[in-house]
Amino acid sequence: MISKFLSKLKTILFKSEVPLETSLNQDKKVTNSAKTTKTKSKSKKVNSKKNIEILTTLPGVGVKSAKALYEAGFKTTKAVIAADEKDLLAVSGVGINLVKKLKKLK
């Protein structure tokens, strides 16, 4: 068992005949792409927080219901106001009283 492990280790270590510089350049490319992915996910989180805060400006909508509405696909206040009552009631945390308040805004 140990001999198999050592033979695999040897093949891995001595298989690579690529110059060190090329492998370093490839590593840099990988880290750069990872950085751009992190930046994109941060901007999405910031946008979602901002949109959730905007949804809380609607009467009767708190942070929990705003987050539930956002996750259900209602990204703007206009989308919430224009939505059908059945679609709003399908969102967890949204009740009939909130729907009535929102429909008064139409």
C-alpha atoms as a PDB file:
ATOM      1  CA  MET A   1       0.000   0.000   0.000  1.00  0.00           C
ATOM      2  CA  ILE A   2       2.797   2.399   0.860  1.00  0.00           C
ATOM      3  CA  SER A   3       4.662   1.421  -2.276  1.00  0.00           C
ATOM      4  CA  LYS A   4       1.616   2.289  -4.410  1.00  0.00           C
ATOM      5  CA  PHE A   5       1.388   5.651  -2.702  1.00  0.00           C
ATOM      6  CA  LEU A   6       5.078   6.350  -3.285  1.00  0.00           C
ATOM      7  CA  SER A   7       4.905   5.323  -6.935  1.00  0.00           C
ATOM      8  CA  LYS A   8       1.913   7.625  -7.500  1.00  0.00           C
ATOM      9  CA  LEU A   9       3.721  10.423  -5.736  1.00  0.00           C
ATOM     10  CA  LYS A  10       6.771   9.930  -7.956  1.00  0.00           C
ATOM     11  CA  THR A  11       4.678  10.032 -11.105  1.00  0.00           C
ATOM     12  CA  ILE A  12       2.985  13.209  -9.988  1.00  0.00           C
ATOM     13  CA  LEU A  13       6.198  14.931  -8.964  1.00  0.00           C
ATOM     14  CA  PHE A  14       8.324  13.929 -11.920  1.00  0.00           C
ATOM     15  CA  LYS A  15       5.623  13.996 -14.590  1.00  0.00           C
ATOM     16  CA  SER A  16       5.595  17.777 -14.766  1.00  0.00           C
ATOM     17  CA  GLU A  17       8.245  18.910 -17.225  1.00  0.00           C
ATOM     18  CA  VAL A  18       6.663  22.338 -17.659  1.00  0.00           C
ATOM     19  CA  PRO A  19       9.012  25.225 -16.912  1.00  0.00           C
ATOM     20  CA  LEU A  20       8.374  26.905 -13.590  1.00  0.00           C
ATOM     21  CA  GLU A  21       7.579  30.288 -15.182  1.00  0.00           C
ATOM     22  CA  THR A  22       4.632  28.950 -17.183  1.00  0.00           C
ATOM     23  CA  SER A  23       3.061  27.267 -14.198  1.00  0.00           C
ATOM     24  CA  LEU A  24       3.407  30.511 -12.213  1.00  0.00           C
ATOM     25  CA  ASN A  25       1.693  32.485 -14.978  1.00  0.00           C
ATOM     26  CA  GLN A  26      -1.173  29.998 -15.021  1.00  0.00           C
ATOM     27  CA  ASP A  27      -1.542  30.340 -11.248  1.00  0.00           C
ATOM     28  CA  LYS A  28      -1.793  34.116 -11.599  1.00  0.00           C
ATOM     29  CA  LYS A  29      -4.553  33.763 -14.202  1.00  0.00           C
ATOM     30  CA  VAL A  30      -6.528  31.517 -11.896  1.00  0.00           C
ATOM     31  CA  THR A  31      -6.260  33.934  -8.968  1.00  0.00           C
ATOM     32  CA  ASN A  32      -7.207  36.903 -11.161  1.00  0.00           C
ATOM     33  CA  SER A  33     -10.358  35.165 -12.362  1.00  0.00           C
ATOM     34  CA  ALA A  34     -11.220  34.264  -8.776  1.00  0.00           C
ATOM     35  CA  LYS A  35     -10.882  37.913  -7.772  1.00  0.00           C
ATOM     36  CA  THR A  36     -13.300  39.074 -10.483  1.00  0.00           C
ATOM     37  CA  THR A  37     -15.814  36.456  -9.398  1.00  0.00           C
ATOM     38  CA  LYS A  38     -15.621  37.680  -5.797  1.00  0.00           C
ATOM     39  CA  THR A  39     -16.120  41.278  -6.952  1.00  0.00           C
ATOM     40  CA  LYS A  40     -19.205  40.330  -8.965  1.00  0.00           C
ATOM     41  CA  SER A  41     -20.758  38.439  -6.074  1.00  0.00           C
ATOM     42  CA  LYS A  42     -20.107  41.374  -3.735  1.00  0.00           C
ATOM     43  CA  SER A  43     -21.837  43.792  -6.118  1.00  0.00           C
ATOM     44  CA  LYS A  44     -24.831  41.433  -6.366  1.00  0.00           C
ATOM     45  CA  LYS A  45     -25.070  41.323  -2.576  1.00  0.00           C
ATOM     46  CA  VAL A  46     -24.888  45.115  -2.368  1.00  0.00           C
ATOM     47  CA  ASN A  47     -27.579  45.479  -5.051  1.00  0.00           C
ATOM     48  CA  SER A  48     -29.864  42.986  -3.340  1.00  0.00           C
ATOM     49  CA  LYS A  49     -29.481  44.756   0.004  1.00  0.00           C
ATOM     50  CA  LYS A  50     -30.235  48.081  -1.638  1.00  0.00           C
ATOM     51  CA  ASN A  51     -33.310  46.670  -3.397  1.00  0.00           C
ATOM     52  CA  ILE A  52     -34.557  45.087  -0.179  1.00  0.00           C
ATOM     53  CA  GLU A  53     -34.188  48.437   1.597  1.00  0.00           C
ATOM     54  CA  ILE A  54     -36.171  50.103  -1.183  1.00  0.00           C
ATOM     55  CA  LEU A  55     -38.940  47.512  -0.826  1.00  0.00           C
ATOM     56  CA  THR A  56     -39.248  48.374   2.870  1.00  0.00           C
ATOM     57  CA  THR A  57     -40.468  51.839   1.861  1.00  0.00           C
ATOM     58  CA  LEU A  58     -43.783  50.267   0.869  1.00  0.00           C
ATOM     59  CA  PRO A  59     -46.454  50.558   3.570  1.00  0.00           C
ATOM     60  CA  GLY A  60     -46.642  47.459   5.752  1.00  0.00           C
ATOM     61  CA  VAL A  61     -43.492  45.889   4.292  1.00  0.00           C
ATOM     62  CA  GLY A  62     -40.789  45.126   6.836  1.00  0.00           C
ATOM     63  CA  VAL A  63     -37.346  43.670   6.341  1.00  0.00           C
ATOM     64  CA  LYS A  64     -38.523  40.048   6.450  1.00  0.00           C
ATOM     65  CA  SER A  65     -41.350  40.490   3.984  1.00  0.00           C
ATOM     66  CA  ALA A  66     -39.151  42.664   1.735  1.00  0.00           C
ATOM     67  CA  LYS A  67     -36.533  39.918   1.635  1.00  0.00           C
ATOM     68  CA  ALA A  68     -39.205  37.313   0.888  1.00  0.00           C
ATOM     69  CA  LEU A  69     -40.628  39.462  -1.918  1.00  0.00           C
ATOM     70  CA  TYR A  70     -37.162  40.033  -3.363  1.00  0.00           C
ATOM     71  CA  GLU A  71     -36.352  36.328  -3.309  1.00  0.00           C
ATOM     72  CA  ALA A  72     -39.712  35.588  -4.960  1.00  0.00           C
ATOM     73  CA  GLY A  73     -38.711  37.777  -7.912  1.00  0.00           C
ATOM     74  CA  PHE A  74     -40.255  41.125  -7.033  1.00  0.00           C
ATOM     75  CA  LYS A  75     -37.150  43.300  -7.357  1.00  0.00           C
ATOM     76  CA  THR A  76     -38.750  46.755  -7.464  1.00  0.00           C
ATOM     77  CA  THR A  77     -41.634  48.552  -5.786  1.00  0.00           C
ATOM     78  CA  LYS A  78     -43.357  48.866  -9.152  1.00  0.00           C
ATOM     79  CA  ALA A  79     -43.219  45.106  -9.593  1.00  0.00           C
ATOM     80  CA  VAL A  80     -44.799  44.562  -6.173  1.00  0.00           C
ATOM     81  CA  ILE A  81     -47.558  47.089  -6.787  1.00  0.00           C
ATOM     82  CA  ALA A  82     -48.329  45.716 -10.260  1.00  0.00           C
ATOM     83  CA  ALA A  83     -48.312  42.084  -9.123  1.00  0.00           C
ATOM     84  CA  ASP A  84     -51.440  39.980  -8.968  1.00  0.00           C
ATOM     85  CA  GLU A  85     -52.899  39.313  -5.513  1.00  0.00           C
ATOM     86  CA  LYS A  86     -52.491  35.554  -5.920  1.00  0.00           C
ATOM     87  CA  ASP A  87     -48.803  35.947  -6.738  1.00  0.00           C
ATOM     88  CA  LEU A  88     -48.214  38.098  -3.669  1.00  0.00           C
ATOM     89  CA  LEU A  89     -50.092  35.710  -1.388  1.00  0.00           C
ATOM     90  CA  ALA A  90     -47.923  32.863  -2.660  1.00  0.00           C
ATOM     91  CA  VAL A  91     -44.891  34.529  -1.052  1.00  0.00           C
ATOM     92  CA  SER A  92     -44.249  33.282   2.471  1.00  0.00           C
ATOM     93  CA  GLY A  93     -44.566  36.064   5.014  1.00  0.00           C
ATOM     94  CA  VAL A  94     -47.063  38.039   2.948  1.00  0.00           C
ATOM     95  CA  GLY A  95     -50.609  38.012   4.223  1.00  0.00           C
ATOM     96  CA  ILE A  96     -53.948  39.318   3.052  1.00  0.00           C
ATOM     97  CA  ASN A  97     -53.658  42.534   5.081  1.00  0.00           C
ATOM     98  CA  LEU A  98     -50.357  43.428   3.414  1.00  0.00           C
ATOM     99  CA  VAL A  99     -51.808  42.680  -0.005  1.00  0.00           C
ATOM    100  CA  LYS A 100     -54.751  44.976   0.736  1.00  0.00           C
ATOM    101  CA  LYS A 101     -52.388  47.792   1.740  1.00  0.00           C
ATOM    102  CA  LEU A 102     -50.353  47.322  -1.419  1.00  0.00           C
ATOM    103  CA  LYS A 103     -53.431  47.265  -3.665  1.00  0.00           C
ATOM    104  CA  LYS A 104     -54.509  50.650  -2.271  1.00  0.00           C
ATOM    105  CA  LEU A 105     -51.370  52.099  -3.891  1.00  0.00           C
ATOM    106  CA  LYS A 106     -52.563  51.270  -7.427  1.00  0.00           C
END
